[in-house]
Amino acid sequence: AEAAELGSIQALYNLGLAYDLGDGVQQDMMKAFQFYRRAAMQGHALSRFNLGLHEFLDGNCGRALRHFMISAKMGHSDSINAFRDPECCATREQYDEGLKGYLAAVEETKSPERDHAAKMKAEYGGSDNMISLGP
């Protein structure tokens, strides 16, 4: 909670998720949304996606699509999949715009160093959170 008070977007997301799922705290969707919103406003793509998902589940397709569009343009792949859901009511133009924004975000993050790291991970295994220094 202290990290969230200091503005850590990952801590804000984690608290939102905890309240969303009732993990270690009493489930409270209002608090979950508050934490997701704060993280989303600071650029956390998964928080933005979760806001869209909850809007979708509540029947607010227009709001959901706006959240999905923003998170897609931040490079969040599940947002593109959400546009494909027939119940989401996205138009072909909305899907195309989201896909274009997603691809631009992915292209923007490409670098020789990232490509090398991905190659090394595929070749030697490992997780995104751990660097192996030997056997």
Protein backbone atom coordinates (compact mmCIF):
# COMPACT_ATOMS: atom_id res chain seq x y z
CA ALA A 1 0.00 0.00 0.00
CA GLU A 2 2.90 2.36 0.72
CA ALA A 3 4.29 1.88 -2.79
CA ALA A 4 0.88 2.75 -4.23
CA GLU A 5 0.76 5.89 -2.09
CA LEU A 6 4.15 6.81 -3.52
CA GLY A 7 2.74 6.43 -7.04
CA SER A 8 4.05 3.04 -8.17
CA ILE A 9 1.80 2.09 -11.08
CA GLN A 10 2.54 -1.61 -10.59
CA ALA A 11 1.53 -1.33 -6.91
CA LEU A 12 -1.67 0.47 -7.92
CA TYR A 13 -2.46 -2.32 -10.38
CA ASN A 14 -1.65 -5.01 -7.80
CA LEU A 15 -3.99 -3.42 -5.27
CA GLY A 16 -6.69 -3.10 -7.91
CA LEU A 17 -6.31 -6.76 -8.75
CA ALA A 18 -6.36 -7.77 -5.07
CA TYR A 19 -9.63 -5.89 -4.50
CA ASP A 20 -11.01 -7.18 -7.81
CA LEU A 21 -10.39 -10.81 -6.86
CA GLY A 22 -10.72 -10.51 -3.08
CA ASP A 23 -7.16 -11.79 -2.75
CA GLY A 24 -6.02 -11.06 0.79
CA VAL A 25 -8.65 -8.33 1.18
CA GLN A 26 -12.42 -8.12 1.19
CA GLN A 27 -13.54 -7.99 -2.45
CA ASP A 28 -14.50 -4.40 -3.26
CA MET A 29 -15.08 -3.48 -6.89
CA MET A 30 -15.24 0.25 -6.17
CA LYS A 31 -11.76 0.16 -4.64
CA ALA A 32 -10.55 -2.07 -7.48
CA PHE A 33 -11.76 0.46 -10.04
CA GLN A 34 -10.14 3.33 -8.14
CA PHE A 35 -6.76 1.61 -8.17
CA TYR A 36 -7.12 0.47 -11.80
CA ARG A 37 -8.06 4.02 -12.85
CA ARG A 38 -5.08 5.56 -11.06
CA ALA A 39 -2.70 3.05 -12.66
CA ALA A 40 -4.34 3.42 -16.09
CA MET A 41 -4.03 7.20 -15.95
CA GLN A 42 -0.30 6.73 -15.43
CA GLY A 43 0.02 4.44 -18.45
CA HIS A 44 -0.54 0.91 -17.12
CA ALA A 45 -1.96 -1.00 -20.10
CA LEU A 46 -3.30 -4.00 -18.18
CA SER A 47 -5.16 -1.74 -15.75
CA ARG A 48 -6.72 0.03 -18.74
CA PHE A 49 -7.66 -3.35 -20.24
CA ASN A 50 -9.22 -4.50 -16.93
CA LEU A 51 -11.33 -1.34 -16.81
CA GLY A 52 -12.52 -2.13 -20.33
CA LEU A 53 -13.26 -5.73 -19.41
CA HIS A 54 -15.40 -4.71 -16.45
CA GLU A 55 -17.24 -2.11 -18.55
CA PHE A 56 -17.88 -4.82 -21.14
CA LEU A 57 -19.20 -7.23 -18.53
CA ASP A 58 -21.46 -4.46 -17.20
CA GLY A 59 -22.89 -3.94 -20.69
CA ASN A 60 -21.15 -0.62 -21.36
CA CYS A 61 -19.73 -1.56 -24.77
CA GLY A 62 -18.87 1.99 -25.82
CA ARG A 63 -16.81 2.62 -22.71
CA ALA A 64 -15.24 -0.82 -22.97
CA LEU A 65 -14.15 -0.16 -26.55
CA ARG A 66 -12.55 3.16 -25.57
CA HIS A 67 -10.51 1.41 -22.85
CA PHE A 68 -9.57 -1.41 -25.23
CA MET A 69 -8.51 1.10 -27.87
CA ILE A 70 -6.22 2.90 -25.44
CA SER A 71 -4.64 -0.30 -24.14
CA ALA A 72 -4.23 -1.66 -27.69
CA LYS A 73 -2.35 1.50 -28.64
CA MET A 74 -0.11 0.82 -25.63
CA GLY A 75 0.79 -2.59 -27.07
CA HIS A 76 -1.57 -4.80 -25.04
CA SER A 77 -2.42 -7.80 -27.27
CA ASP A 78 -5.51 -8.98 -25.37
CA SER A 79 -7.14 -5.68 -26.26
CA ILE A 80 -7.01 -6.61 -29.94
CA ASN A 81 -8.64 -9.94 -29.14
CA ALA A 82 -11.42 -8.10 -27.29
CA PHE A 83 -12.25 -6.21 -30.50
CA ARG A 84 -12.85 -9.57 -32.19
CA ASP A 85 -15.47 -10.67 -29.66
CA PRO A 86 -18.81 -10.45 -31.49
CA GLU A 87 -20.52 -9.31 -28.29
CA CYS A 88 -18.15 -6.35 -28.09
CA CYS A 89 -19.91 -4.68 -31.06
CA ALA A 90 -16.70 -3.22 -32.48
CA THR A 91 -16.89 -2.03 -36.07
CA ARG A 92 -14.32 -3.11 -38.64
CA GLU A 93 -12.97 0.46 -38.56
CA GLN A 94 -12.52 0.33 -34.79
CA TYR A 95 -10.75 -3.00 -35.03
CA ASP A 96 -8.48 -1.69 -37.79
CA GLU A 97 -7.65 1.43 -35.76
CA GLY A 98 -6.87 -0.64 -32.66
CA LEU A 99 -4.74 -3.08 -34.64
CA LYS A 100 -2.84 -0.26 -36.33
CA GLY A 101 -2.16 1.36 -32.93
CA TYR A 102 -1.13 -1.98 -31.42
CA LEU A 103 1.29 -2.75 -34.25
CA ALA A 104 2.78 0.75 -34.00
CA ALA A 105 3.35 0.28 -30.25
CA VAL A 106 4.98 -3.11 -30.80
CA GLU A 107 7.20 -1.70 -33.55
CA GLU A 108 8.22 1.19 -31.31
CA THR A 109 9.53 -1.20 -28.66
CA LYS A 110 11.68 -3.22 -31.05
CA SER A 111 15.44 -3.00 -30.72
CA PRO A 112 18.43 -5.20 -31.51
CA GLU A 113 18.96 -5.72 -27.79
CA ARG A 114 15.40 -6.97 -27.25
CA ASP A 115 15.67 -9.24 -30.28
CA HIS A 116 18.92 -10.68 -28.90
CA ALA A 117 17.38 -11.21 -25.46
CA ALA A 118 14.38 -13.00 -27.00
CA LYS A 119 16.71 -15.22 -29.03
CA MET A 120 18.76 -16.06 -25.93
CA LYS A 121 15.63 -16.83 -23.93
CA ALA A 122 14.32 -19.12 -26.67
CA GLU A 123 17.69 -20.82 -27.03
CA TYR A 124 18.54 -21.27 -23.34
CA GLY A 125 15.15 -21.07 -21.64
CA GLY A 126 14.37 -18.98 -18.61
CA SER A 127 11.71 -16.63 -17.40
CA ASP A 128 11.09 -12.94 -17.98
CA ASN A 129 11.93 -12.22 -14.34
CA MET A 130 15.13 -14.18 -13.91
CA ILE A 131 18.59 -14.11 -15.43
CA SER A 132 20.52 -17.36 -15.13
CA LEU A 133 24.24 -16.92 -14.46
CA GLY A 134 25.06 -20.59 -14.86
CA PRO A 135 23.95 -24.15 -14.14
